[in-house]
Amino acid sequence: MKLKKKRSSSMDKIMNKLRSAQMRAQEMRSSMLANQAHQVTGASHKALSFSRTRQIGSLSGCFTCHAF
C-alpha cells in the first residue's frame, strides 16, 4: 500500500512537471509568433516608406533633369 502511494505521488509530480513544461513551451511559441508578426509589420512599414521616398526622389530627379 505504501509503495502504491509513493508511486502515485511520483507520477503526479512527473505529470505536473510535464504540464508546466508544456505550458511554458506554448507561452514561448505564442511570444515568438507575436514577435515575428511585429517584425513583419515593421518591415512592411519601412518598405512602404522607402518606396514612397524613392518615388518622390525619382520624380524630383526627372523635374530637375528636364528643368535645365
N, C-alpha and C. Protein backbone atom coordinates (compact mmCIF):
# COMPACT_ATOMS: atom_id res chain seq x y z
N MET A 1 0.82 -1.20 0.00
CA MET A 1 0.00 0.00 0.00
C MET A 1 0.87 1.26 0.00
N LYS A 2 1.91 1.25 0.84
CA LYS A 2 2.81 2.38 0.91
C LYS A 2 3.50 2.62 -0.43
N LEU A 3 3.93 1.55 -1.06
CA LEU A 3 4.61 1.64 -2.35
C LEU A 3 3.66 2.20 -3.41
N LYS A 4 2.43 1.80 -3.36
CA LYS A 4 1.44 2.29 -4.30
C LYS A 4 1.24 3.80 -4.15
N LYS A 5 1.18 4.28 -2.91
CA LYS A 5 1.03 5.71 -2.65
C LYS A 5 2.24 6.49 -3.16
N LYS A 6 3.44 5.96 -2.92
CA LYS A 6 4.66 6.62 -3.39
C LYS A 6 4.68 6.69 -4.90
N ARG A 7 4.32 5.60 -5.54
CA ARG A 7 4.29 5.55 -7.00
C ARG A 7 3.29 6.57 -7.54
N SER A 8 2.12 6.63 -6.95
CA SER A 8 1.09 7.56 -7.36
C SER A 8 1.56 9.01 -7.17
N SER A 9 2.18 9.27 -6.05
CA SER A 9 2.70 10.61 -5.75
C SER A 9 3.78 11.00 -6.76
N SER A 10 4.66 10.06 -7.06
CA SER A 10 5.72 10.33 -8.03
C SER A 10 5.14 10.61 -9.41
N MET A 11 4.14 9.84 -9.79
CA MET A 11 3.52 10.05 -11.10
C MET A 11 2.83 11.41 -11.16
N ASP A 12 2.19 11.80 -10.06
CA ASP A 12 1.54 13.11 -10.02
C ASP A 12 2.58 14.23 -10.19
N LYS A 13 3.71 14.10 -9.52
CA LYS A 13 4.76 15.11 -9.63
C LYS A 13 5.29 15.19 -11.06
N ILE A 14 5.50 14.03 -11.66
CA ILE A 14 6.01 13.99 -13.03
C ILE A 14 5.00 14.62 -13.99
N MET A 15 3.72 14.29 -13.82
CA MET A 15 2.69 14.83 -14.70
C MET A 15 2.57 16.35 -14.53
N ASN A 16 2.70 16.83 -13.29
CA ASN A 16 2.65 18.28 -13.05
C ASN A 16 3.82 18.99 -13.73
N LYS A 17 5.00 18.39 -13.65
CA LYS A 17 6.16 18.97 -14.30
C LYS A 17 5.98 18.99 -15.81
N LEU A 18 5.42 17.92 -16.34
CA LEU A 18 5.17 17.84 -17.78
C LEU A 18 4.18 18.91 -18.22
N ARG A 19 3.09 19.06 -17.48
CA ARG A 19 2.10 20.10 -17.80
C ARG A 19 2.72 21.49 -17.74
N SER A 20 3.53 21.71 -16.74
CA SER A 20 4.19 23.00 -16.58
C SER A 20 5.13 23.28 -17.75
N ALA A 21 5.89 22.29 -18.16
CA ALA A 21 6.81 22.44 -19.29
C ALA A 21 6.03 22.70 -20.58
N GLN A 22 4.92 22.01 -20.76
CA GLN A 22 4.10 22.22 -21.95
C GLN A 22 3.51 23.62 -21.99
N MET A 23 3.08 24.12 -20.84
CA MET A 23 2.53 25.47 -20.78
C MET A 23 3.60 26.51 -21.09
N ARG A 24 4.79 26.31 -20.54
CA ARG A 24 5.90 27.24 -20.83
C ARG A 24 6.25 27.22 -22.31
N ALA A 25 6.28 26.04 -22.90
CA ALA A 25 6.59 25.93 -24.32
C ALA A 25 5.53 26.64 -25.16
N GLN A 26 4.26 26.50 -24.80
CA GLN A 26 3.19 27.17 -25.53
C GLN A 26 3.31 28.69 -25.39
N GLU A 27 3.64 29.16 -24.20
CA GLU A 27 3.83 30.60 -24.00
C GLU A 27 4.99 31.11 -24.84
N MET A 28 6.05 30.35 -24.93
CA MET A 28 7.21 30.75 -25.73
C MET A 28 6.83 30.80 -27.21
N ARG A 29 6.07 29.81 -27.67
CA ARG A 29 5.64 29.81 -29.06
C ARG A 29 4.77 31.03 -29.36
N SER A 30 3.85 31.32 -28.48
CA SER A 30 2.98 32.48 -28.66
C SER A 30 3.78 33.77 -28.70
N SER A 31 4.74 33.85 -27.81
CA SER A 31 5.60 35.04 -27.76
C SER A 31 6.39 35.19 -29.05
N MET A 32 6.92 34.09 -29.56
CA MET A 32 7.69 34.13 -30.81
C MET A 32 6.81 34.54 -31.98
N LEU A 33 5.60 34.01 -32.05
CA LEU A 33 4.69 34.37 -33.13
C LEU A 33 4.33 35.85 -33.08
N ALA A 34 4.09 36.37 -31.87
CA ALA A 34 3.77 37.79 -31.73
C ALA A 34 4.96 38.64 -32.13
N ASN A 35 6.16 38.22 -31.75
CA ASN A 35 7.37 38.95 -32.11
C ASN A 35 7.57 38.95 -33.62
N GLN A 36 7.36 37.82 -34.26
CA GLN A 36 7.52 37.74 -35.71
C GLN A 36 6.49 38.62 -36.42
N ALA A 37 5.26 38.63 -35.92
CA ALA A 37 4.22 39.46 -36.53
C ALA A 37 4.59 40.94 -36.40
N HIS A 38 5.14 41.31 -35.25
CA HIS A 38 5.56 42.69 -35.04
C HIS A 38 6.69 43.06 -35.99
N GLN A 39 7.63 42.17 -36.18
CA GLN A 39 8.76 42.44 -37.08
C GLN A 39 8.28 42.56 -38.52
N VAL A 40 7.36 41.72 -38.93
CA VAL A 40 6.84 41.78 -40.30
C VAL A 40 6.11 43.10 -40.52
N THR A 41 5.33 43.53 -39.54
CA THR A 41 4.61 44.79 -39.64
C THR A 41 5.59 45.94 -39.77
N GLY A 42 6.63 45.94 -38.94
CA GLY A 42 7.64 46.99 -39.00
C GLY A 42 8.36 47.01 -40.34
N ALA A 43 8.67 45.85 -40.86
CA ALA A 43 9.36 45.76 -42.14
C ALA A 43 8.48 46.27 -43.28
N SER A 44 7.20 45.95 -43.23
CA SER A 44 6.31 46.42 -44.29
C SER A 44 6.16 47.93 -44.24
N HIS A 45 6.13 48.51 -43.03
CA HIS A 45 6.07 49.97 -42.91
C HIS A 45 7.33 50.61 -43.48
N LYS A 46 8.47 50.01 -43.18
CA LYS A 46 9.74 50.54 -43.69
C LYS A 46 9.77 50.45 -45.21
N ALA A 47 9.31 49.34 -45.74
CA ALA A 47 9.31 49.16 -47.19
C ALA A 47 8.37 50.17 -47.86
N LEU A 48 7.22 50.39 -47.26
CA LEU A 48 6.27 51.35 -47.80
C LEU A 48 6.86 52.76 -47.76
N SER A 49 7.49 53.10 -46.66
CA SER A 49 8.12 54.41 -46.53
C SER A 49 9.23 54.57 -47.55
N PHE A 50 10.03 53.54 -47.71
CA PHE A 50 11.14 53.60 -48.66
C PHE A 50 10.62 53.76 -50.08
N SER A 51 9.56 53.02 -50.41
CA SER A 51 9.03 53.11 -51.77
C SER A 51 8.45 54.50 -52.03
N ARG A 52 7.84 55.11 -51.04
CA ARG A 52 7.29 56.46 -51.20
C ARG A 52 8.40 57.47 -51.43
N THR A 53 9.43 57.43 -50.60
CA THR A 53 10.53 58.40 -50.75
C THR A 53 11.30 58.15 -52.03
N ARG A 54 11.40 56.92 -52.41
CA ARG A 54 12.13 56.61 -53.63
C ARG A 54 11.38 57.14 -54.85
N GLN A 55 10.07 57.01 -54.86
CA GLN A 55 9.28 57.52 -55.98
C GLN A 55 9.37 59.04 -56.05
N ILE A 56 9.27 59.69 -54.91
CA ILE A 56 9.36 61.14 -54.89
C ILE A 56 10.74 61.58 -55.35
N GLY A 57 11.77 60.87 -54.89
CA GLY A 57 13.13 61.20 -55.29
C GLY A 57 13.31 61.02 -56.79
N SER A 58 12.74 59.98 -57.37
CA SER A 58 12.91 59.76 -58.80
C SER A 58 12.14 60.80 -59.60
N LEU A 59 10.98 61.22 -59.09
CA LEU A 59 10.22 62.25 -59.77
C LEU A 59 10.95 63.59 -59.73
N SER A 60 11.49 63.94 -58.58
CA SER A 60 12.20 65.20 -58.48
C SER A 60 13.44 65.18 -59.36
N GLY A 61 14.05 64.00 -59.50
CA GLY A 61 15.20 63.88 -60.39
C GLY A 61 14.79 64.15 -61.83
N CYS A 62 13.62 63.70 -62.20
CA CYS A 62 13.13 63.95 -63.56
C CYS A 62 12.87 65.43 -63.77
N PHE A 63 12.28 66.08 -62.78
CA PHE A 63 11.97 67.50 -62.93
C PHE A 63 13.24 68.33 -63.02
N THR A 64 14.24 68.00 -62.20
CA THR A 64 15.48 68.76 -62.27
C THR A 64 16.19 68.47 -63.59
N CYS A 65 16.09 67.26 -64.04
CA CYS A 65 16.74 66.91 -65.29
C CYS A 65 16.10 67.66 -66.46
N HIS A 66 14.76 67.77 -66.45
CA HIS A 66 14.05 68.43 -67.54
C HIS A 66 14.01 69.94 -67.38
N ALA A 67 14.33 70.43 -66.19
CA ALA A 67 14.29 71.87 -65.97
C ALA A 67 15.43 72.57 -66.67
N PHE A 68 16.54 71.90 -66.88
CA PHE A 68 17.70 72.55 -67.48
C PHE A 68 17.67 72.38 -68.94
